[in-house]
């Protein structure tokens, strides 16, 4: 097996996170607490460690959690191209290539592959620490502003900040993220 070549992609800044989201919620005691970033190349990135409580088998991340992480990442990838726009999943196809360990710092990146007026298609990869691709996804998303998503689900679109939806900076936010070079 060929050892991947790596590149470091500069981080433009953090994306918004929520207080209670299962994937990014900073106050959700059962959540993943993934951090999402805009990259200078137009992609989105995620850094996260999945706790053992979210295993499918001992020491392995549950496949549904892997799918949820990739889904959120690719759904967020549109915000770099169209600020204020978010992706709502219509279709998601996840391929699992390698077992993904719990309690291990992992990275993922996603991008828009086809951008239309009301929807987009995107792809993403989840990487093991050695650069091996552990899972990939392709998805179709409808574009919506965050306020409209909140209103459609019964939330108060005017109190997103009150509900903990905001950009957060952490002292250990990276200036760049190391990824395997894409072919």
N, C-alpha and C. Protein backbone atom coordinates (compact mmCIF):
# COMPACT_ATOMS: atom_id res chain seq x y z
N UNK A 1 0.85 -1.19 0.00
CA UNK A 1 0.00 0.00 0.00
C UNK A 1 0.89 1.24 0.00
N UNK A 2 0.54 2.19 -0.83
CA UNK A 2 1.31 3.42 -0.98
C UNK A 2 1.05 4.37 0.19
N UNK A 3 2.13 4.95 0.74
CA UNK A 3 2.00 5.94 1.80
C UNK A 3 1.50 7.25 1.20
N UNK A 4 0.46 7.84 1.77
CA UNK A 4 -0.07 9.08 1.18
C UNK A 4 0.89 10.26 1.34
N UNK A 5 0.84 11.14 0.35
CA UNK A 5 1.56 12.41 0.42
C UNK A 5 0.63 13.40 1.11
N UNK A 6 1.16 14.23 2.00
CA UNK A 6 0.34 15.16 2.76
C UNK A 6 0.55 16.60 2.31
N UNK A 7 -0.47 17.42 2.60
CA UNK A 7 -0.39 18.86 2.42
C UNK A 7 -1.09 19.50 3.60
N UNK A 8 -0.66 20.70 3.96
CA UNK A 8 -1.34 21.44 5.02
C UNK A 8 -2.14 22.55 4.36
N UNK A 9 -3.45 22.55 4.64
CA UNK A 9 -4.35 23.54 4.05
C UNK A 9 -4.67 24.58 5.13
N UNK A 10 -4.51 25.84 4.79
CA UNK A 10 -4.72 26.94 5.74
C UNK A 10 -6.20 27.04 6.13
N UNK A 11 -6.43 27.25 7.41
CA UNK A 11 -7.77 27.45 7.95
C UNK A 11 -8.12 28.93 7.86
N UNK A 12 -9.26 29.26 7.23
CA UNK A 12 -9.73 30.65 7.18
C UNK A 12 -10.39 31.05 8.49
N UNK A 13 -11.07 30.10 9.12
CA UNK A 13 -11.73 30.39 10.39
C UNK A 13 -12.70 29.30 10.76
N UNK A 14 -13.24 29.38 11.99
CA UNK A 14 -14.21 28.38 12.44
C UNK A 14 -15.59 28.63 11.83
N UNK A 15 -16.36 27.56 11.72
CA UNK A 15 -17.77 27.68 11.35
C UNK A 15 -18.59 27.75 12.65
N UNK A 16 -19.85 28.12 12.49
CA UNK A 16 -20.75 28.16 13.64
C UNK A 16 -20.92 26.77 14.23
N UNK A 17 -21.14 26.73 15.53
CA UNK A 17 -21.52 25.51 16.20
C UNK A 17 -22.74 25.81 17.05
N UNK A 18 -23.37 24.76 17.49
CA UNK A 18 -24.59 24.86 18.29
C UNK A 18 -24.28 24.45 19.72
N UNK A 19 -25.18 24.76 20.60
CA UNK A 19 -25.02 24.31 21.98
C UNK A 19 -25.38 22.83 22.12
N UNK A 20 -26.41 22.38 21.39
CA UNK A 20 -26.97 21.06 21.67
C UNK A 20 -26.94 20.05 20.53
N UNK A 21 -26.40 20.39 19.39
CA UNK A 21 -26.33 19.46 18.27
C UNK A 21 -25.56 18.19 18.67
N UNK A 22 -25.98 17.04 18.19
CA UNK A 22 -25.29 15.79 18.49
C UNK A 22 -23.85 15.80 17.96
N UNK A 23 -23.64 16.38 16.79
CA UNK A 23 -22.31 16.37 16.18
C UNK A 23 -21.45 17.53 16.67
N UNK A 24 -21.96 18.77 16.65
CA UNK A 24 -21.11 19.92 16.97
C UNK A 24 -21.44 20.59 18.31
N UNK A 25 -22.46 20.14 18.99
CA UNK A 25 -22.92 20.81 20.20
C UNK A 25 -21.90 20.85 21.32
N UNK A 26 -21.48 22.05 21.68
CA UNK A 26 -20.45 22.20 22.71
C UNK A 26 -20.96 21.89 24.11
N UNK A 27 -22.28 21.92 24.32
CA UNK A 27 -22.84 21.63 25.64
C UNK A 27 -23.56 20.29 25.70
N UNK A 28 -23.53 19.52 24.64
CA UNK A 28 -24.24 18.24 24.61
C UNK A 28 -23.36 17.17 25.25
N UNK A 29 -23.72 16.69 26.45
CA UNK A 29 -22.88 15.72 27.13
C UNK A 29 -22.78 14.38 26.38
N UNK A 30 -23.73 14.10 25.50
CA UNK A 30 -23.71 12.86 24.73
C UNK A 30 -23.16 13.05 23.32
N UNK A 31 -22.74 14.28 23.00
CA UNK A 31 -22.35 14.59 21.63
C UNK A 31 -20.89 14.34 21.31
N UNK A 32 -20.56 14.58 20.05
CA UNK A 32 -19.21 14.39 19.53
C UNK A 32 -18.35 15.65 19.74
N UNK A 33 -19.00 16.81 19.74
CA UNK A 33 -18.31 18.11 19.90
C UNK A 33 -17.28 18.36 18.79
N UNK A 34 -17.63 17.98 17.57
CA UNK A 34 -16.75 18.20 16.42
C UNK A 34 -16.61 19.69 16.17
N UNK A 35 -15.44 20.08 15.72
CA UNK A 35 -15.19 21.47 15.34
C UNK A 35 -15.07 21.53 13.82
N UNK A 36 -15.73 22.52 13.24
CA UNK A 36 -15.77 22.67 11.79
C UNK A 36 -15.08 23.96 11.38
N UNK A 37 -14.37 23.90 10.25
CA UNK A 37 -13.58 25.02 9.78
C UNK A 37 -13.75 25.24 8.28
N UNK A 38 -13.65 26.51 7.88
CA UNK A 38 -13.55 26.87 6.46
C UNK A 38 -12.07 26.83 6.08
N UNK A 39 -11.76 26.24 4.95
CA UNK A 39 -10.38 26.16 4.48
C UNK A 39 -10.17 27.12 3.33
N UNK A 40 -8.94 27.56 3.15
CA UNK A 40 -8.64 28.55 2.10
C UNK A 40 -8.90 28.01 0.70
N UNK A 41 -8.94 26.70 0.51
CA UNK A 41 -9.19 26.13 -0.81
C UNK A 41 -10.68 25.95 -1.11
N UNK A 42 -11.55 26.46 -0.22
CA UNK A 42 -13.00 26.39 -0.43
C UNK A 42 -13.66 25.16 0.17
N UNK A 43 -12.88 24.26 0.75
CA UNK A 43 -13.45 23.09 1.39
C UNK A 43 -13.81 23.40 2.84
N UNK A 44 -14.51 22.45 3.45
CA UNK A 44 -14.79 22.50 4.89
C UNK A 44 -14.04 21.35 5.53
N UNK A 45 -13.67 21.52 6.79
CA UNK A 45 -12.94 20.48 7.51
C UNK A 45 -13.55 20.27 8.88
N UNK A 46 -13.33 19.08 9.42
CA UNK A 46 -13.78 18.76 10.77
C UNK A 46 -12.66 18.08 11.53
N UNK A 47 -12.55 18.43 12.81
CA UNK A 47 -11.63 17.77 13.74
C UNK A 47 -12.48 17.24 14.89
N UNK A 48 -12.24 15.99 15.28
CA UNK A 48 -13.09 15.39 16.30
C UNK A 48 -12.45 14.12 16.86
N UNK A 49 -12.94 13.74 18.04
CA UNK A 49 -12.61 12.47 18.68
C UNK A 49 -13.94 11.86 19.11
N UNK A 50 -14.23 10.68 18.61
CA UNK A 50 -15.49 10.02 18.96
C UNK A 50 -15.28 9.21 20.24
N UNK A 51 -16.07 9.49 21.28
CA UNK A 51 -15.90 8.75 22.53
C UNK A 51 -16.33 7.29 22.40
N UNK A 52 -15.79 6.47 23.25
CA UNK A 52 -16.11 5.03 23.24
C UNK A 52 -17.60 4.77 23.41
N UNK A 53 -18.32 5.69 24.04
CA UNK A 53 -19.77 5.51 24.21
C UNK A 53 -20.52 5.48 22.88
N UNK A 54 -19.87 5.87 21.79
CA UNK A 54 -20.51 5.84 20.46
C UNK A 54 -19.90 4.76 19.58
N UNK A 55 -19.57 3.63 20.19
CA UNK A 55 -19.02 2.54 19.40
C UNK A 55 -20.14 1.66 18.82
N UNK A 56 -19.77 0.93 17.77
CA UNK A 56 -20.64 -0.12 17.23
C UNK A 56 -20.16 -1.46 17.74
N UNK A 57 -18.86 -1.56 17.86
CA UNK A 57 -18.16 -2.67 18.50
C UNK A 57 -17.09 -2.04 19.37
N UNK A 58 -16.60 -2.72 20.38
CA UNK A 58 -15.59 -2.11 21.24
C UNK A 58 -14.41 -1.54 20.42
N UNK A 59 -14.13 -0.26 20.66
CA UNK A 59 -13.01 0.39 20.00
C UNK A 59 -13.28 0.87 18.59
N UNK A 60 -14.48 0.66 18.06
CA UNK A 60 -14.81 1.07 16.69
C UNK A 60 -16.02 2.00 16.69
N UNK A 61 -15.89 3.11 15.95
CA UNK A 61 -16.98 4.08 15.84
C UNK A 61 -18.18 3.42 15.15
N UNK A 62 -19.36 3.66 15.68
CA UNK A 62 -20.59 3.17 15.07
C UNK A 62 -20.74 3.76 13.68
N UNK A 63 -21.17 2.95 12.71
CA UNK A 63 -21.33 3.41 11.33
C UNK A 63 -22.30 4.57 11.19
N UNK A 64 -23.34 4.60 12.01
CA UNK A 64 -24.29 5.71 11.95
C UNK A 64 -23.67 7.02 12.38
N UNK A 65 -22.77 6.97 13.34
CA UNK A 65 -22.07 8.17 13.79
C UNK A 65 -21.14 8.66 12.67
N UNK A 66 -20.45 7.72 12.02
CA UNK A 66 -19.60 8.08 10.88
C UNK A 66 -20.42 8.78 9.80
N UNK A 67 -21.57 8.21 9.47
CA UNK A 67 -22.45 8.82 8.47
C UNK A 67 -22.92 10.20 8.87
N UNK A 68 -23.28 10.36 10.16
CA UNK A 68 -23.74 11.66 10.64
C UNK A 68 -22.63 12.71 10.57
N UNK A 69 -21.41 12.33 10.92
CA UNK A 69 -20.28 13.26 10.85
C UNK A 69 -20.04 13.72 9.41
N UNK A 70 -19.98 12.77 8.47
CA UNK A 70 -19.76 13.13 7.07
C UNK A 70 -20.92 13.93 6.51
N UNK A 71 -22.14 13.58 6.89
CA UNK A 71 -23.32 14.31 6.42
C UNK A 71 -23.26 15.77 6.86
N UNK A 72 -22.96 16.00 8.13
CA UNK A 72 -22.90 17.38 8.62
C UNK A 72 -21.77 18.15 7.94
N UNK A 73 -20.64 17.51 7.77
CA UNK A 73 -19.49 18.17 7.13
C UNK A 73 -19.83 18.60 5.71
N UNK A 74 -20.35 17.69 4.90
CA UNK A 74 -20.65 18.04 3.51
C UNK A 74 -21.80 19.05 3.45
N UNK A 75 -22.79 18.91 4.33
CA UNK A 75 -23.88 19.89 4.37
C UNK A 75 -23.40 21.28 4.72
N UNK A 76 -22.31 21.39 5.47
CA UNK A 76 -21.72 22.68 5.83
C UNK A 76 -20.82 23.23 4.73
N UNK A 77 -20.39 22.42 3.80
CA UNK A 77 -19.40 22.85 2.80
C UNK A 77 -19.90 23.98 1.91
N UNK A 78 -21.20 24.16 1.79
CA UNK A 78 -21.75 25.23 0.95
C UNK A 78 -21.53 26.61 1.57
N UNK A 79 -21.37 26.69 2.89
CA UNK A 79 -21.27 28.00 3.53
C UNK A 79 -20.03 28.78 3.10
N UNK A 80 -18.97 28.08 2.70
CA UNK A 80 -17.78 28.77 2.22
C UNK A 80 -18.01 29.46 0.88
N UNK A 81 -18.90 28.90 0.07
CA UNK A 81 -19.23 29.48 -1.24
C UNK A 81 -20.38 30.47 -1.15
N UNK A 82 -21.33 30.17 -0.27
CA UNK A 82 -22.53 31.00 -0.12
C UNK A 82 -22.78 31.23 1.38
N UNK A 83 -22.11 32.23 1.96
CA UNK A 83 -22.27 32.48 3.39
C UNK A 83 -23.75 32.63 3.79
N UNK A 84 -24.09 32.03 4.92
CA UNK A 84 -25.46 32.08 5.40
C UNK A 84 -26.34 30.97 4.85
N UNK A 85 -25.80 30.18 3.94
CA UNK A 85 -26.55 29.06 3.35
C UNK A 85 -26.05 27.76 3.94
N UNK A 86 -26.99 26.86 4.23
CA UNK A 86 -26.67 25.56 4.80
C UNK A 86 -27.32 24.47 3.97
N UNK A 87 -26.78 23.28 4.02
CA UNK A 87 -27.34 22.15 3.28
C UNK A 87 -28.23 21.30 4.16
N UNK A 88 -29.42 20.98 3.64
CA UNK A 88 -30.35 20.06 4.29
C UNK A 88 -30.35 18.79 3.43
N UNK A 89 -30.07 17.68 4.05
CA UNK A 89 -29.85 16.43 3.33
C UNK A 89 -31.10 15.91 2.62
N UNK A 90 -30.92 15.58 1.34
CA UNK A 90 -31.95 14.91 0.55
C UNK A 90 -31.57 13.44 0.37
N UNK A 91 -30.27 13.20 0.14
CA UNK A 91 -29.78 11.85 -0.13
C UNK A 91 -28.33 11.77 0.34
N UNK A 92 -27.96 10.65 0.93
CA UNK A 92 -26.59 10.47 1.38
C UNK A 92 -26.16 9.02 1.16
N UNK A 93 -25.01 8.84 0.54
CA UNK A 93 -24.43 7.52 0.32
C UNK A 93 -23.07 7.49 1.00
N UNK A 94 -22.91 6.60 1.98
CA UNK A 94 -21.65 6.48 2.72
C UNK A 94 -21.01 5.13 2.39
N UNK A 95 -19.71 5.16 2.14
CA UNK A 95 -18.94 3.94 1.91
C UNK A 95 -17.91 3.82 3.03
N UNK A 96 -17.88 2.65 3.64
CA UNK A 96 -16.98 2.39 4.75
C UNK A 96 -15.79 1.57 4.23
N UNK A 97 -14.58 2.11 4.37
CA UNK A 97 -13.39 1.47 3.83
C UNK A 97 -12.54 0.77 4.89
N UNK A 98 -12.45 1.35 6.07
CA UNK A 98 -11.62 0.82 7.15
C UNK A 98 -12.33 1.02 8.48
N UNK A 99 -12.04 0.17 9.48
CA UNK A 99 -12.59 0.43 10.82
C UNK A 99 -12.07 1.78 11.34
N UNK A 100 -12.93 2.49 12.03
CA UNK A 100 -12.59 3.81 12.56
C UNK A 100 -12.52 3.70 14.08
N UNK A 101 -11.37 4.02 14.66
CA UNK A 101 -11.20 3.85 16.10
C UNK A 101 -11.88 4.96 16.92
N UNK A 102 -12.42 4.57 18.05
CA UNK A 102 -12.91 5.56 19.02
C UNK A 102 -11.70 6.12 19.76
N UNK A 103 -11.93 7.21 20.50
CA UNK A 103 -10.91 7.83 21.36
C UNK A 103 -9.63 8.18 20.60
N UNK A 104 -9.76 8.54 19.32
CA UNK A 104 -8.62 8.89 18.47
C UNK A 104 -8.95 10.18 17.73
N UNK A 105 -8.02 11.11 17.73
CA UNK A 105 -8.23 12.39 17.01
C UNK A 105 -8.28 12.11 15.51
N UNK A 106 -9.38 12.50 14.88
CA UNK A 106 -9.61 12.23 13.46
C UNK A 106 -9.87 13.52 12.71
N UNK A 107 -9.71 13.46 11.40
CA UNK A 107 -9.99 14.60 10.53
C UNK A 107 -10.90 14.16 9.40
N UNK A 108 -11.60 15.13 8.85
CA UNK A 108 -12.44 14.89 7.68
C UNK A 108 -12.50 16.18 6.88
N UNK A 109 -12.72 16.04 5.59
CA UNK A 109 -12.91 17.23 4.77
C UNK A 109 -13.98 16.95 3.72
N UNK A 110 -14.67 18.04 3.35
CA UNK A 110 -15.75 17.93 2.38
C UNK A 110 -15.79 19.13 1.48
N UNK A 111 -16.49 18.96 0.37
CA UNK A 111 -16.55 20.02 -0.64
C UNK A 111 -17.83 19.93 -1.45
N UNK A 112 -18.16 21.03 -2.10
CA UNK A 112 -19.26 21.06 -3.05
C UNK A 112 -18.70 20.57 -4.38
N UNK A 113 -19.37 19.60 -4.99
CA UNK A 113 -18.90 19.09 -6.29
C UNK A 113 -19.75 19.61 -7.45
N UNK A 114 -21.03 19.88 -7.19
CA UNK A 114 -21.93 20.46 -8.19
C UNK A 114 -22.81 21.47 -7.47
N UNK A 115 -22.79 22.72 -7.93
CA UNK A 115 -23.54 23.78 -7.27
C UNK A 115 -24.61 24.31 -8.22
N UNK A 116 -25.87 24.10 -7.86
CA UNK A 116 -27.00 24.58 -8.64
C UNK A 116 -27.72 25.68 -7.85
N UNK A 117 -28.76 26.23 -8.43
CA UNK A 117 -29.46 27.35 -7.80
C UNK A 117 -30.04 26.98 -6.43
N UNK A 118 -30.76 25.86 -6.34
CA UNK A 118 -31.46 25.52 -5.09
C UNK A 118 -30.88 24.32 -4.36
N UNK A 119 -29.94 23.64 -4.97
CA UNK A 119 -29.37 22.46 -4.33
C UNK A 119 -27.92 22.29 -4.75
N UNK A 120 -27.23 21.39 -4.07
CA UNK A 120 -25.85 21.09 -4.43
C UNK A 120 -25.55 19.63 -4.12
N UNK A 121 -24.54 19.14 -4.77
CA UNK A 121 -23.99 17.82 -4.48
C UNK A 121 -22.62 18.03 -3.86
N UNK A 122 -22.28 17.14 -2.93
CA UNK A 122 -20.99 17.26 -2.28
C UNK A 122 -20.40 15.90 -1.97
N UNK A 123 -19.10 15.91 -1.69
CA UNK A 123 -18.38 14.69 -1.33
C UNK A 123 -17.52 14.97 -0.11
N UNK A 124 -17.17 13.91 0.60
CA UNK A 124 -16.32 14.06 1.77
C UNK A 124 -15.57 12.79 2.09
N UNK A 125 -14.51 12.96 2.87
CA UNK A 125 -13.69 11.84 3.31
C UNK A 125 -13.38 11.98 4.80
N UNK A 126 -13.35 10.86 5.48
CA UNK A 126 -12.93 10.79 6.87
C UNK A 126 -11.61 10.02 6.88
N UNK A 127 -10.59 10.61 7.54
CA UNK A 127 -9.24 10.05 7.51
C UNK A 127 -8.82 9.50 8.87
N UNK A 128 -8.07 8.42 8.83
CA UNK A 128 -7.38 7.92 10.01
C UNK A 128 -6.12 8.77 10.22
N UNK A 129 -5.51 8.72 11.40
CA UNK A 129 -4.33 9.57 11.65
C UNK A 129 -3.17 9.37 10.66
N UNK A 130 -3.05 8.18 10.07
CA UNK A 130 -1.96 7.95 9.12
C UNK A 130 -2.30 8.40 7.70
N UNK A 131 -3.49 9.00 7.50
CA UNK A 131 -3.90 9.49 6.20
C UNK A 131 -4.73 8.52 5.39
N UNK A 132 -4.96 7.33 5.92
CA UNK A 132 -5.80 6.35 5.23
C UNK A 132 -7.24 6.84 5.21
N UNK A 133 -7.89 6.71 4.06
CA UNK A 133 -9.31 7.05 3.96
C UNK A 133 -10.12 5.93 4.61
N UNK A 134 -10.86 6.26 5.65
CA UNK A 134 -11.65 5.27 6.37
C UNK A 134 -13.10 5.23 5.89
N UNK A 135 -13.63 6.36 5.43
CA UNK A 135 -15.01 6.42 4.93
C UNK A 135 -15.13 7.59 3.97
N UNK A 136 -16.02 7.43 3.00
CA UNK A 136 -16.30 8.50 2.03
C UNK A 136 -17.80 8.65 1.90
N UNK A 137 -18.22 9.79 1.40
CA UNK A 137 -19.64 9.98 1.16
C UNK A 137 -19.88 10.87 -0.05
N UNK A 138 -21.06 10.73 -0.60
CA UNK A 138 -21.60 11.61 -1.63
C UNK A 138 -23.01 11.95 -1.20
N UNK A 139 -23.40 13.21 -1.36
CA UNK A 139 -24.74 13.58 -0.94
C UNK A 139 -25.35 14.64 -1.82
N UNK A 140 -26.66 14.73 -1.72
CA UNK A 140 -27.45 15.77 -2.39
C UNK A 140 -28.14 16.56 -1.28
N UNK A 141 -28.06 17.89 -1.38
CA UNK A 141 -28.56 18.78 -0.34
C UNK A 141 -29.37 19.91 -0.94
N UNK A 142 -30.40 20.33 -0.22
CA UNK A 142 -31.17 21.53 -0.55
C UNK A 142 -30.52 22.68 0.20
N UNK A 143 -30.39 23.82 -0.46
CA UNK A 143 -29.81 25.01 0.17
C UNK A 143 -30.89 25.79 0.92
N UNK A 144 -30.61 26.12 2.18
CA UNK A 144 -31.53 26.93 2.97
C UNK A 144 -30.74 27.82 3.92
N UNK A 145 -31.25 29.02 4.21
CA UNK A 145 -30.63 29.83 5.26
C UNK A 145 -30.94 29.22 6.62
N UNK A 146 -30.03 29.36 7.56
CA UNK A 146 -30.19 28.77 8.89
C UNK A 146 -31.49 29.20 9.56
N UNK A 147 -31.86 30.47 9.40
CA UNK A 147 -33.09 30.97 10.03
C UNK A 147 -34.32 30.21 9.52
N UNK A 148 -34.33 29.88 8.24
CA UNK A 148 -35.47 29.15 7.67
C UNK A 148 -35.50 27.70 8.17
N UNK A 149 -34.34 27.10 8.30
CA UNK A 149 -34.27 25.74 8.83
C UNK A 149 -34.85 25.73 10.24
N UNK A 150 -34.44 26.68 11.07
CA UNK A 150 -34.93 26.76 12.45
C UNK A 150 -36.43 26.98 12.48
N UNK A 151 -36.95 27.86 11.63
CA UNK A 151 -38.39 28.15 11.61
C UNK A 151 -39.20 26.93 11.17
N UNK A 152 -38.67 26.15 10.22
CA UNK A 152 -39.39 24.98 9.72
C UNK A 152 -39.50 23.88 10.76
N UNK A 153 -38.58 23.87 11.72
CA UNK A 153 -38.61 22.81 12.73
C UNK A 153 -39.20 23.30 14.06
N UNK A 154 -39.84 24.45 14.03
CA UNK A 154 -40.50 24.95 15.22
C UNK A 154 -39.62 25.79 16.12
N UNK A 155 -38.38 26.00 15.72
CA UNK A 155 -37.48 26.84 16.51
C UNK A 155 -37.75 28.31 16.25
N UNK A 156 -37.20 29.14 17.07
CA UNK A 156 -37.34 30.57 16.92
C UNK A 156 -36.15 31.09 16.11
N UNK A 157 -36.38 31.46 14.85
CA UNK A 157 -35.26 31.90 14.02
C UNK A 157 -34.59 33.17 14.52
N UNK A 158 -35.26 33.91 15.38
CA UNK A 158 -34.69 35.16 15.88
C UNK A 158 -33.85 34.94 17.14
N UNK A 159 -33.86 33.72 17.66
CA UNK A 159 -33.10 33.48 18.89
C UNK A 159 -32.01 32.42 18.70
N UNK A 160 -31.49 32.31 17.47
CA UNK A 160 -30.44 31.32 17.24
C UNK A 160 -29.25 31.55 18.16
N UNK A 161 -28.86 32.80 18.37
CA UNK A 161 -27.75 33.10 19.28
C UNK A 161 -28.11 32.71 20.71
N UNK A 162 -29.37 32.96 21.11
CA UNK A 162 -29.81 32.58 22.45
C UNK A 162 -29.77 31.08 22.64
N UNK A 163 -29.99 30.33 21.55
CA UNK A 163 -29.96 28.86 21.61
C UNK A 163 -28.54 28.33 21.47
N UNK A 164 -27.57 29.23 21.42
CA UNK A 164 -26.18 28.80 21.40
C UNK A 164 -25.60 28.57 20.03
N UNK A 165 -26.22 29.09 18.99
CA UNK A 165 -25.71 28.92 17.63
C UNK A 165 -24.82 30.12 17.29
N UNK A 166 -23.50 29.89 17.23
CA UNK A 166 -22.59 30.99 16.98
C UNK A 166 -21.22 30.46 16.58
N UNK A 167 -20.39 31.37 16.08
CA UNK A 167 -18.99 31.03 15.81
C UNK A 167 -18.25 31.08 17.14
N UNK A 168 -17.47 30.04 17.37
CA UNK A 168 -16.68 29.98 18.60
C UNK A 168 -15.23 29.77 18.22
N UNK A 169 -14.36 30.47 18.87
CA UNK A 169 -12.94 30.25 18.69
C UNK A 169 -12.41 29.58 19.94
N UNK A 170 -11.49 28.64 19.73
CA UNK A 170 -10.86 27.93 20.84
C UNK A 170 -9.36 28.21 20.80
N UNK A 171 -8.73 28.17 21.94
CA UNK A 171 -7.30 28.48 21.99
C UNK A 171 -6.46 27.50 21.18
N UNK A 172 -6.97 26.29 20.96
CA UNK A 172 -6.22 25.31 20.19
C UNK A 172 -6.71 25.15 18.75
N UNK A 173 -7.47 26.15 18.24
CA UNK A 173 -7.87 26.11 16.83
C UNK A 173 -6.62 26.11 15.95
N UNK A 174 -6.59 25.26 14.93
CA UNK A 174 -5.39 25.19 14.09
C UNK A 174 -5.31 26.33 13.08
N UNK A 175 -4.09 26.65 12.68
CA UNK A 175 -3.88 27.61 11.58
C UNK A 175 -3.95 26.89 10.24
N UNK A 176 -3.66 25.61 10.27
CA UNK A 176 -3.74 24.77 9.08
C UNK A 176 -4.04 23.34 9.50
N UNK A 177 -4.59 22.56 8.59
CA UNK A 177 -4.91 21.16 8.87
C UNK A 177 -4.22 20.30 7.82
N UNK A 178 -3.58 19.26 8.28
CA UNK A 178 -2.81 18.35 7.43
C UNK A 178 -3.72 17.27 6.88
N UNK A 179 -3.77 17.17 5.55
CA UNK A 179 -4.58 16.16 4.88
C UNK A 179 -3.75 15.44 3.82
N UNK A 180 -4.13 14.21 3.49
CA UNK A 180 -3.52 13.56 2.33
C UNK A 180 -3.90 14.34 1.07
N UNK A 181 -2.97 14.44 0.12
CA UNK A 181 -3.28 15.10 -1.14
C UNK A 181 -4.31 14.27 -1.89
N UNK A 182 -5.28 14.95 -2.48
CA UNK A 182 -6.29 14.27 -3.30
C UNK A 182 -5.70 13.99 -4.67
N UNK A 183 -6.07 12.86 -5.21
CA UNK A 183 -5.61 12.53 -6.58
C UNK A 183 -6.30 13.35 -7.63
